[in-house]
C-alpha atoms as a PDB file:
ATOM      1  CA  UNK A   1      55.613 -43.335 -20.555  1.00  0.00           C
ATOM      2  CA  UNK A   2      54.812 -39.773 -21.740  1.00  0.00           C
ATOM      3  CA  UNK A   3      51.133 -40.780 -21.941  1.00  0.00           C
ATOM      4  CA  UNK A   4      51.198 -42.001 -18.345  1.00  0.00           C
ATOM      5  CA  UNK A   5      52.657 -38.864 -16.964  1.00  0.00           C
ATOM      6  CA  UNK A   6      50.313 -36.748 -18.893  1.00  0.00           C
ATOM      7  CA  UNK A   7      47.442 -38.675 -17.394  1.00  0.00           C
ATOM      8  CA  UNK A   8      49.029 -38.257 -14.094  1.00  0.00           C
ATOM      9  CA  UNK A   9      49.438 -34.540 -14.438  1.00  0.00           C
ATOM     10  CA  UNK A  10      45.756 -33.961 -15.385  1.00  0.00           C
ATOM     11  CA  UNK A  11      44.549 -36.031 -12.593  1.00  0.00           C
ATOM     12  CA  UNK A  12      46.866 -34.350 -10.063  1.00  0.00           C
ATOM     13  CA  UNK A  13      45.857 -30.763 -11.089  1.00  0.00           C
ATOM     14  CA  UNK A  14      42.228 -31.463 -11.123  1.00  0.00           C
ATOM     15  CA  UNK A  15      41.824 -33.982  -8.360  1.00  0.00           C
ATOM     16  CA  UNK A  16      38.713 -33.264  -6.394  1.00  0.00           C
ATOM     17  CA  UNK A  17      37.964 -32.770  -2.829  1.00  0.00           C
ATOM     18  CA  UNK A  18      40.735 -31.893  -0.311  1.00  0.00           C
ATOM     19  CA  UNK A  19      40.985 -31.557   3.475  1.00  0.00           C
ATOM     20  CA  UNK A  20      42.380 -28.127   4.135  1.00  0.00           C
ATOM     21  CA  UNK A  21      43.123 -27.601   0.346  1.00  0.00           C
ATOM     22  CA  UNK A  22      46.232 -30.197   0.389  1.00  0.00           C
ATOM     23  CA  UNK A  23      47.816 -27.942  -2.215  1.00  0.00           C
ATOM     24  CA  UNK A  24      51.305 -28.958  -0.515  1.00  0.00           C
ATOM     25  CA  UNK A  25      50.434 -32.485  -0.872  1.00  0.00           C
ATOM     26  CA  UNK A  26      49.629 -32.039  -4.760  1.00  0.00           C
ATOM     27  CA  UNK A  27      52.892 -30.190  -5.196  1.00  0.00           C
ATOM     28  CA  UNK A  28      54.783 -33.083  -3.655  1.00  0.00           C
ATOM     29  CA  UNK A  29      53.267 -35.396  -6.242  1.00  0.00           C
ATOM     30  CA  UNK A  30      54.210 -33.031  -9.004  1.00  0.00           C
ATOM     31  CA  UNK A  31      57.618 -32.794  -7.932  1.00  0.00           C
ATOM     32  CA  UNK A  32      58.166 -36.486  -7.320  1.00  0.00           C
ATOM     33  CA  UNK A  33      60.846 -38.276  -9.177  1.00  0.00           C
ATOM     34  CA  UNK A  34      59.301 -41.657  -8.782  1.00  0.00           C
ATOM     35  CA  UNK A  35      56.919 -43.307 -11.255  1.00  0.00           C
ATOM     36  CA  UNK A  36      53.485 -42.874 -10.163  1.00  0.00           C
ATOM     37  CA  UNK A  37      50.370 -44.149 -12.141  1.00  0.00           C
ATOM     38  CA  UNK A  38      46.608 -44.820 -11.951  1.00  0.00           C
ATOM     39  CA  UNK A  39      45.498 -48.230 -12.597  1.00  0.00           C
ATOM     40  CA  UNK A  40      42.073 -49.856 -12.813  1.00  0.00           C
ATOM     41  CA  UNK A  41      41.818 -53.268 -10.744  1.00  0.00           C
ATOM     42  CA  UNK A  42      38.656 -55.106 -12.161  1.00  0.00           C
ATOM     43  CA  UNK A  43      36.688 -58.042 -10.694  1.00  0.00           C
ATOM     44  CA  UNK A  44      33.150 -59.163 -11.434  1.00  0.00           C
ATOM     45  CA  UNK A  45      31.318 -55.920 -12.633  1.00  0.00           C
ATOM     46  CA  UNK A  46      33.365 -53.637 -10.455  1.00  0.00           C
ATOM     47  CA  UNK A  47      36.160 -51.462 -11.196  1.00  0.00           C
ATOM     48  CA  UNK A  48      38.459 -49.969  -8.295  1.00  0.00           C
ATOM     49  CA  UNK A  49      40.722 -47.153  -9.369  1.00  0.00           C
ATOM     50  CA  UNK A  50      43.949 -47.209  -7.635  1.00  0.00           C
ATOM     51  CA  UNK A  51      47.038 -45.016  -7.303  1.00  0.00           C
ATOM     52  CA  UNK A  52      50.546 -46.683  -7.533  1.00  0.00           C
ATOM     53  CA  UNK A  53      53.755 -45.584  -6.503  1.00  0.00           C
ATOM     54  CA  UNK A  54      57.068 -47.330  -7.295  1.00  0.00           C
ATOM     55  CA  UNK A  55      60.263 -47.244  -5.391  1.00  0.00           C
ATOM     56  CA  UNK A  56      63.539 -46.681  -7.135  1.00  0.00           C
ATOM     57  CA  UNK A  57      65.146 -49.659  -6.138  1.00  0.00           C
ATOM     58  CA  UNK A  58      67.033 -52.697  -7.882  1.00  0.00           C
ATOM     59  CA  UNK A  59      65.106 -55.624  -6.245  1.00  0.00           C
ATOM     60  CA  UNK A  60      61.473 -56.516  -5.633  1.00  0.00           C
ATOM     61  CA  UNK A  61      59.926 -54.813  -2.674  1.00  0.00           C
ATOM     62  CA  UNK A  62      57.103 -55.372  -0.175  1.00  0.00           C
ATOM     63  CA  UNK A  63      53.800 -53.909  -1.308  1.00  0.00           C
ATOM     64  CA  UNK A  64      51.903 -51.659   1.093  1.00  0.00           C
ATOM     65  CA  UNK A  65      48.072 -51.186   0.614  1.00  0.00           C
ATOM     66  CA  UNK A  66      47.020 -47.892   1.957  1.00  0.00           C
ATOM     67  CA  UNK A  67      43.327 -47.513   3.265  1.00  0.00           C
ATOM     68  CA  UNK A  68      42.275 -43.850   2.888  1.00  0.00           C
ATOM     69  CA  UNK A  69      40.594 -41.803   5.528  1.00  0.00           C
ATOM     70  CA  UNK A  70      36.824 -41.079   5.572  1.00  0.00           C
ATOM     71  CA  UNK A  71      37.420 -38.198   3.066  1.00  0.00           C
ATOM     72  CA  UNK A  72      38.156 -40.734   0.494  1.00  0.00           C
ATOM     73  CA  UNK A  73      41.340 -40.959  -1.841  1.00  0.00           C
ATOM     74  CA  UNK A  74      42.660 -37.449  -1.299  1.00  0.00           C
ATOM     75  CA  UNK A  75      46.015 -35.932  -2.644  1.00  0.00           C
ATOM     76  CA  UNK A  76      47.469 -36.417   0.965  1.00  0.00           C
ATOM     77  CA  UNK A  77      46.959 -40.121   0.828  1.00  0.00           C
ATOM     78  CA  UNK A  78      48.551 -40.195  -2.762  1.00  0.00           C
ATOM     79  CA  UNK A  79      51.360 -38.248  -1.238  1.00  0.00           C
ATOM     80  CA  UNK A  80      51.652 -40.918   1.610  1.00  0.00           C
ATOM     81  CA  UNK A  81      51.904 -43.477  -1.119  1.00  0.00           C
ATOM     82  CA  UNK A  82      54.758 -41.514  -2.975  1.00  0.00           C
ATOM     83  CA  UNK A  83      56.600 -41.246   0.491  1.00  0.00           C
ATOM     84  CA  UNK A  84      56.359 -44.890   1.030  1.00  0.00           C
ATOM     85  CA  UNK A  85      57.671 -45.635  -2.243  1.00  0.00           C
ATOM     86  CA  UNK A  86      60.547 -43.229  -1.457  1.00  0.00           C
ATOM     87  CA  UNK A  87      61.312 -45.390   1.519  1.00  0.00           C
ATOM     88  CA  UNK A  88      61.537 -48.373  -0.791  1.00  0.00           C
ATOM     89  CA  UNK A  89      57.992 -50.042  -0.848  1.00  0.00           C
ATOM     90  CA  UNK A  90      55.643 -50.554  -3.762  1.00  0.00           C
ATOM     91  CA  UNK A  91      52.550 -48.487  -2.438  1.00  0.00           C
ATOM     92  CA  UNK A  92      48.968 -48.910  -3.977  1.00  0.00           C
ATOM     93  CA  UNK A  93      46.147 -46.671  -2.632  1.00  0.00           C
ATOM     94  CA  UNK A  94      42.761 -47.839  -3.776  1.00  0.00           C
ATOM     95  CA  UNK A  95      39.767 -45.495  -4.163  1.00  0.00           C
ATOM     96  CA  UNK A  96      37.190 -47.482  -2.215  1.00  0.00           C
ATOM     97  CA  UNK A  97      34.648 -44.860  -3.333  1.00  0.00           C
ATOM     98  CA  UNK A  98      35.092 -45.883  -6.973  1.00  0.00           C
ATOM     99  CA  UNK A  99      31.739 -46.089  -8.769  1.00  0.00           C
ATOM    100  CA  UNK A 100      29.748 -44.128  -5.965  1.00  0.00           C
ATOM    101  CA  UNK A 101      29.582 -40.783  -7.955  1.00  0.00           C
ATOM    102  CA  UNK A 102      26.512 -40.053 -10.254  1.00  0.00           C
ATOM    103  CA  UNK A 103      28.707 -40.496 -13.240  1.00  0.00           C
ATOM    104  CA  UNK A 104      30.264 -43.782 -12.020  1.00  0.00           C
ATOM    105  CA  UNK A 105      33.408 -41.871 -10.771  1.00  0.00           C
ATOM    106  CA  UNK A 106      34.846 -42.001  -7.285  1.00  0.00           C
ATOM    107  CA  UNK A 107      36.301 -39.440  -4.734  1.00  0.00           C
ATOM    108  CA  UNK A 108      37.363 -36.884  -7.310  1.00  0.00           C
ATOM    109  CA  UNK A 109      33.703 -36.761  -8.526  1.00  0.00           C
ATOM    110  CA  UNK A 110      31.731 -36.401  -5.254  1.00  0.00           C
ATOM    111  CA  UNK A 111      32.026 -32.804  -4.803  1.00  0.00           C
ATOM    112  CA  UNK A 112      33.616 -32.454  -1.463  1.00  0.00           C
ATOM    113  CA  UNK A 113      34.372 -33.902   2.039  1.00  0.00           C
ATOM    114  CA  UNK A 114      30.855 -34.069   3.292  1.00  0.00           C
ATOM    115  CA  UNK A 115      29.726 -35.911   0.273  1.00  0.00           C
ATOM    116  CA  UNK A 116      32.482 -38.336   0.724  1.00  0.00           C
ATOM    117  CA  UNK A 117      31.664 -38.806   4.506  1.00  0.00           C
ATOM    118  CA  UNK A 118      28.084 -39.569   3.305  1.00  0.00           C
ATOM    119  CA  UNK A 119      28.931 -42.081   0.737  1.00  0.00           C
ATOM    120  CA  UNK A 120      31.533 -43.828   2.822  1.00  0.00           C
ATOM    121  CA  UNK A 121      29.123 -44.675   5.421  1.00  0.00           C
ATOM    122  CA  UNK A 122      26.881 -46.596   3.180  1.00  0.00           C
ATOM    123  CA  UNK A 123      29.608 -48.693   1.580  1.00  0.00           C
ATOM    124  CA  UNK A 124      28.689 -52.386   1.947  1.00  0.00           C
ATOM    125  CA  UNK A 125      31.192 -53.938   4.343  1.00  0.00           C
ATOM    126  CA  UNK A 126      31.448 -57.143   2.008  1.00  0.00           C
ATOM    127  CA  UNK A 127      32.324 -54.752  -0.905  1.00  0.00           C
ATOM    128  CA  UNK A 128      35.097 -53.197   1.091  1.00  0.00           C
ATOM    129  CA  UNK A 129      36.627 -56.502   1.840  1.00  0.00           C
ATOM    130  CA  UNK A 130      36.323 -57.873  -1.565  1.00  0.00           C
ATOM    131  CA  UNK A 131      37.974 -54.601  -2.924  1.00  0.00           C
ATOM    132  CA  UNK A 132      40.936 -54.855  -0.615  1.00  0.00           C
ATOM    133  CA  UNK A 133      41.084 -58.597  -1.563  1.00  0.00           C
ATOM    134  CA  UNK A 134      41.726 -57.845  -5.269  1.00  0.00           C
ATOM    135  CA  UNK A 135      44.062 -54.911  -4.653  1.00  0.00           C
ATOM    136  CA  UNK A 136      46.262 -56.859  -2.286  1.00  0.00           C
ATOM    137  CA  UNK A 137      46.359 -59.572  -4.898  1.00  0.00           C
ATOM    138  CA  UNK A 138      47.282 -57.189  -7.592  1.00  0.00           C
ATOM    139  CA  UNK A 139      49.758 -55.279  -5.680  1.00  0.00           C
ATOM    140  CA  UNK A 140      51.531 -58.440  -4.419  1.00  0.00           C
ATOM    141  CA  UNK A 141      51.691 -59.852  -7.935  1.00  0.00           C
ATOM    142  CA  UNK A 142      53.211 -56.747  -9.593  1.00  0.00           C
ATOM    143  CA  UNK A 143      56.663 -57.598 -11.021  1.00  0.00           C
ATOM    144  CA  UNK A 144      58.196 -54.996  -8.766  1.00  0.00           C
ATOM    145  CA  UNK A 145      56.872 -56.602  -5.635  1.00  0.00           C
ATOM    146  CA  UNK A 146      58.385 -59.494  -3.552  1.00  0.00           C
ATOM    147  CA  UNK A 147      54.938 -60.901  -2.802  1.00  0.00           C
ATOM    148  CA  UNK A 148      54.581 -59.650   0.536  1.00  0.00           C
ATOM    149  CA  UNK A 149      51.789 -57.173   1.477  1.00  0.00           C
ATOM    150  CA  UNK A 150      51.036 -55.163   4.310  1.00  0.00           C
ATOM    151  CA  UNK A 151      47.766 -52.835   5.062  1.00  0.00           C
ATOM    152  CA  UNK A 152      48.034 -49.545   6.457  1.00  0.00           C
ATOM    153  CA  UNK A 153      44.956 -47.320   7.094  1.00  0.00           C
ATOM    154  CA  UNK A 154      44.120 -44.050   8.528  1.00  0.00           C
ATOM    155  CA  UNK A 155      41.043 -42.749  10.540  1.00  0.00           C
ATOM    156  CA  UNK A 156      38.227 -44.732   8.829  1.00  0.00           C
ATOM    157  CA  UNK A 157      40.888 -46.668   7.106  1.00  0.00           C
ATOM    158  CA  UNK A 158      42.565 -47.386  10.435  1.00  0.00           C
ATOM    159  CA  UNK A 159      39.468 -49.460  11.427  1.00  0.00           C
ATOM    160  CA  UNK A 160      39.108 -51.039   8.096  1.00  0.00           C
ATOM    161  CA  UNK A 161      42.829 -52.190   8.251  1.00  0.00           C
ATOM    162  CA  UNK A 162      42.078 -53.826  11.733  1.00  0.00           C
ATOM    163  CA  UNK A 163      38.925 -55.416  10.220  1.00  0.00           C
ATOM    164  CA  UNK A 164      40.900 -56.643   7.176  1.00  0.00           C
ATOM    165  CA  UNK A 165      43.424 -58.470   9.448  1.00  0.00           C
ATOM    166  CA  UNK A 166      40.641 -60.671  10.593  1.00  0.00           C
ATOM    167  CA  UNK A 167      39.822 -61.439   6.937  1.00  0.00           C
ATOM    168  CA  UNK A 168      43.079 -62.044   4.884  1.00  0.00           C
ATOM    169  CA  UNK A 169      45.561 -64.373   6.736  1.00  0.00           C
ATOM    170  CA  UNK A 170      48.159 -63.562   4.088  1.00  0.00           C
ATOM    171  CA  UNK A 171      49.009 -60.042   5.141  1.00  0.00           C
ATOM    172  CA  UNK A 172      52.203 -59.732   7.077  1.00  0.00           C
ATOM    173  CA  UNK A 173      51.093 -56.702   9.288  1.00  0.00           C
ATOM    174  CA  UNK A 174      48.274 -54.379   9.869  1.00  0.00           C
ATOM    175  CA  UNK A 175      48.989 -50.718  10.857  1.00  0.00           C
ATOM    176  CA  UNK A 176      46.183 -48.887  12.371  1.00  0.00           C
ATOM    177  CA  UNK A 177      46.178 -45.116  12.676  1.00  0.00           C
ATOM    178  CA  UNK A 178      43.625 -43.828  15.060  1.00  0.00           C
ATOM    179  CA  UNK A 179      41.207 -46.588  14.094  1.00  0.00           C
ATOM    180  CA  UNK A 180      39.095 -48.942  16.253  1.00  0.00           C
ATOM    181  CA  UNK A 181      38.898 -52.853  16.536  1.00  0.00           C
ATOM    182  CA  UNK A 182      36.292 -54.539  14.652  1.00  0.00           C
ATOM    183  CA  UNK A 183      33.112 -55.640  16.515  1.00  0.00           C
ATOM    184  CA  UNK A 184      32.735 -59.178  17.899  1.00  0.00           C
ATOM    185  CA  UNK A 185      35.212 -59.076  20.639  1.00  0.00           C
ATOM    186  CA  UNK A 186      37.761 -61.983  21.171  1.00  0.00           C
ATOM    187  CA  UNK A 187      35.903 -64.439  18.848  1.00  0.00           C
ATOM    188  CA  UNK A 188      36.139 -61.916  15.850  1.00  0.00           C
ATOM    189  CA  UNK A 189      39.983 -61.490  16.652  1.00  0.00           C
ATOM    190  CA  UNK A 190      40.719 -65.046  16.517  1.00  0.00           C
ATOM    191  CA  UNK A 191      41.025 -64.993  12.789  1.00  0.00           C
ATOM    192  CA  UNK A 192      43.929 -62.498  12.898  1.00  0.00           C
ATOM    193  CA  UNK A 193      47.164 -64.157  11.527  1.00  0.00           C
ATOM    194  CA  UNK A 194      49.508 -61.090  11.736  1.00  0.00           C
ATOM    195  CA  UNK A 195      50.828 -58.605  14.380  1.00  0.00           C
ATOM    196  CA  UNK A 196      48.633 -55.479  14.528  1.00  0.00           C
ATOM    197  CA  UNK A 197      50.299 -52.136  15.141  1.00  0.00           C
ATOM    198  CA  UNK A 198      48.333 -49.112  16.594  1.00  0.00           C
ATOM    199  CA  UNK A 199      49.085 -45.517  16.174  1.00  0.00           C
ATOM    200  CA  UNK A 200      46.946 -43.224  18.513  1.00  0.00           C
ATOM    201  CA  UNK A 201      46.481 -39.571  19.572  1.00  0.00           C
ATOM    202  CA  UNK A 202      46.525 -38.627  22.994  1.00  0.00           C
ATOM    203  CA  UNK A 203      43.744 -36.116  22.489  1.00  0.00           C
ATOM    204  CA  UNK A 204      41.163 -38.406  20.919  1.00  0.00           C
ATOM    205  CA  UNK A 205      39.066 -39.812  23.536  1.00  0.00           C
ATOM    206  CA  UNK A 206      36.431 -41.180  20.871  1.00  0.00           C
ATOM    207  CA  UNK A 207      38.983 -43.585  19.771  1.00  0.00           C
ATOM    208  CA  UNK A 208      41.144 -44.272  22.861  1.00  0.00           C
ATOM    209  CA  UNK A 209      38.255 -45.137  25.213  1.00  0.00           C
ATOM    210  CA  UNK A 210      38.072 -48.329  23.111  1.00  0.00           C
ATOM    211  CA  UNK A 211      41.760 -49.373  23.653  1.00  0.00           C
ATOM    212  CA  UNK A 212      41.488 -51.040  26.997  1.00  0.00           C
ATOM    213  CA  UNK A 213      38.961 -53.600  25.563  1.00  0.00           C
ATOM    214  CA  UNK A 214      40.988 -53.985  22.359  1.00  0.00           C
ATOM    215  CA  UNK A 215      44.188 -54.659  24.415  1.00  0.00           C
ATOM    216  CA  UNK A 216      42.347 -57.335  26.534  1.00  0.00           C
ATOM    217  CA  UNK A 217      40.660 -58.902  23.754  1.00  0.00           C
ATOM    218  CA  UNK A 218      43.704 -59.250  21.675  1.00  0.00           C
ATOM    219  CA  UNK A 219      45.560 -60.572  24.590  1.00  0.00           C
ATOM    220  CA  UNK A 220      42.676 -63.054  25.312  1.00  0.00           C
ATOM    221  CA  UNK A 221      42.762 -64.149  21.512  1.00  0.00           C
ATOM    222  CA  UNK A 222      46.614 -64.609  21.846  1.00  0.00           C
ATOM    223  CA  UNK A 223      47.261 -61.945  19.126  1.00  0.00           C
ATOM    224  CA  UNK A 224      49.949 -59.513  18.886  1.00  0.00           C
ATOM    225  CA  UNK A 225      48.685 -55.703  19.265  1.00  0.00           C
ATOM    226  CA  UNK A 226      51.429 -53.091  19.986  1.00  0.00           C
ATOM    227  CA  UNK A 227      49.796 -49.496  20.392  1.00  0.00           C
ATOM    228  CA  UNK A 228      51.698 -46.298  20.943  1.00  0.00           C
ATOM    229  CA  UNK A 229      49.789 -42.897  21.800  1.00  0.00           C
ATOM    230  CA  UNK A 230      51.505 -39.776  20.736  1.00  0.00           C
ATOM    231  CA  UNK A 231      51.386 -36.909  23.422  1.00  0.00           C
ATOM    232  CA  UNK A 232      49.541 -33.800  22.624  1.00  0.00           C
ATOM    233  CA  UNK A 233      48.589 -34.974  19.126  1.00  0.00           C
ATOM    234  CA  UNK A 234      44.776 -34.997  17.751  1.00  0.00           C
ATOM    235  CA  UNK A 235      42.877 -37.279  15.798  1.00  0.00           C
ATOM    236  CA  UNK A 236      44.264 -37.298  12.117  1.00  0.00           C
ATOM    237  CA  UNK A 237      47.718 -36.255  13.103  1.00  0.00           C
ATOM    238  CA  UNK A 238      49.428 -37.850  10.220  1.00  0.00           C
ATOM    239  CA  UNK A 239      47.677 -35.553   7.771  1.00  0.00           C
ATOM    240  CA  UNK A 240      47.433 -32.477  10.120  1.00  0.00           C
ATOM    241  CA  UNK A 241      51.034 -33.080  11.117  1.00  0.00           C
ATOM    242  CA  UNK A 242      52.210 -32.831   7.532  1.00  0.00           C
ATOM    243  CA  UNK A 243      50.566 -29.590   6.932  1.00  0.00           C
ATOM    244  CA  UNK A 244      52.509 -26.318   6.688  1.00  0.00           C
ATOM    245  CA  UNK A 245      50.383 -24.843   9.482  1.00  0.00           C
ATOM    246  CA  UNK A 246      50.833 -27.942  11.609  1.00  0.00           C
ATOM    247  CA  UNK A 247      50.874 -27.551  15.408  1.00  0.00           C
ATOM    248  CA  UNK A 248      54.071 -28.663  17.018  1.00  0.00           C
ATOM    249  CA  UNK A 249      52.446 -31.583  18.664  1.00  0.00           C
ATOM    250  CA  UNK A 250      50.912 -32.870  15.608  1.00  0.00           C
ATOM    251  CA  UNK A 251      54.155 -32.347  13.715  1.00  0.00           C
ATOM    252  CA  UNK A 252      56.239 -34.198  16.258  1.00  0.00           C
ATOM    253  CA  UNK A 253      53.741 -37.150  16.360  1.00  0.00           C
ATOM    254  CA  UNK A 254      53.712 -37.378  12.726  1.00  0.00           C
ATOM    255  CA  UNK A 255      57.419 -37.513  12.596  1.00  0.00           C
ATOM    256  CA  UNK A 256      57.770 -40.142  15.368  1.00  0.00           C
ATOM    257  CA  UNK A 257      54.898 -42.343  14.043  1.00  0.00           C
ATOM    258  CA  UNK A 258      56.543 -42.153  10.357  1.00  0.00           C
ATOM    259  CA  UNK A 259      59.721 -43.446  11.960  1.00  0.00           C
ATOM    260  CA  UNK A 260      57.838 -46.118  13.871  1.00  0.00           C
ATOM    261  CA  UNK A 261      55.767 -47.198  10.750  1.00  0.00           C
ATOM    262  CA  UNK A 262      59.100 -47.703   8.669  1.00  0.00           C
ATOM    263  CA  UNK A 263      60.563 -49.908  11.402  1.00  0.00           C
ATOM    264  CA  UNK A 264      57.326 -51.884  11.678  1.00  0.00           C
ATOM    265  CA  UNK A 265      57.523 -52.487   7.935  1.00  0.00           C
ATOM    266  CA  UNK A 266      61.061 -53.303   7.732  1.00  0.00           C
ATOM    267  CA  UNK A 267      60.720 -55.815  10.657  1.00  0.00           C
ATOM    268  CA  UNK A 268      58.890 -58.263   8.356  1.00  0.00           C
ATOM    269  CA  UNK A 269      61.360 -57.573   5.570  1.00  0.00           C
ATOM    270  CA  UNK A 270      61.212 -55.352   2.490  1.00  0.00           C
END
């Protein structure tokens, strides 16, 4: 146990690029009373480094797989995992940039947000799905898990969570934070077997202009898509709204969306 926590402390203190420093997110992790650890999920010749947060509950709990923003697996995403564990879920956040750095490392070794953006744009779509497959399988088979798994994604990860819903019929819900639907229209959406819940910012025309078509296509495909738009909020409000310097609009949107996320995850059972 001591060895795990020493490893966690070293990684937390030195964890690479951060959007807006995120010292507040790092402090939360250092103060968390929950069991937090790093694991390597291996398949074939690929290793996906993942951050896992465990709830303090007596019974097995639902697993929530977090798909990070375009900036990679930052302190903030790991903090979200800890907050989900605080609510009673097993949370696992894979670094989908694993193996992309010069030394074979991931987000922490890329050198900054711009480098992460460049690398993430070049990830093979099939690799992203394969990574998520093994992480969902790993997370849902942990002794602390009840076997149910949901995916929750932010920004780039929001779009990936929507796309993943068309790929894996075993997930119980997909939560899309300011992400777009996959290309392919109604035909692509036919494969979705779970409800999709959208969380969007009012001041985010780039994403919101795609919503009318998404609603129409999901309806035509006979799928559940429930989206809410948070007034006055901007893209990335879940992270921005948690910052000590958050605008009132982003802070309120983050609070409301967090409460809704908990309700959504509870609706299919912990």
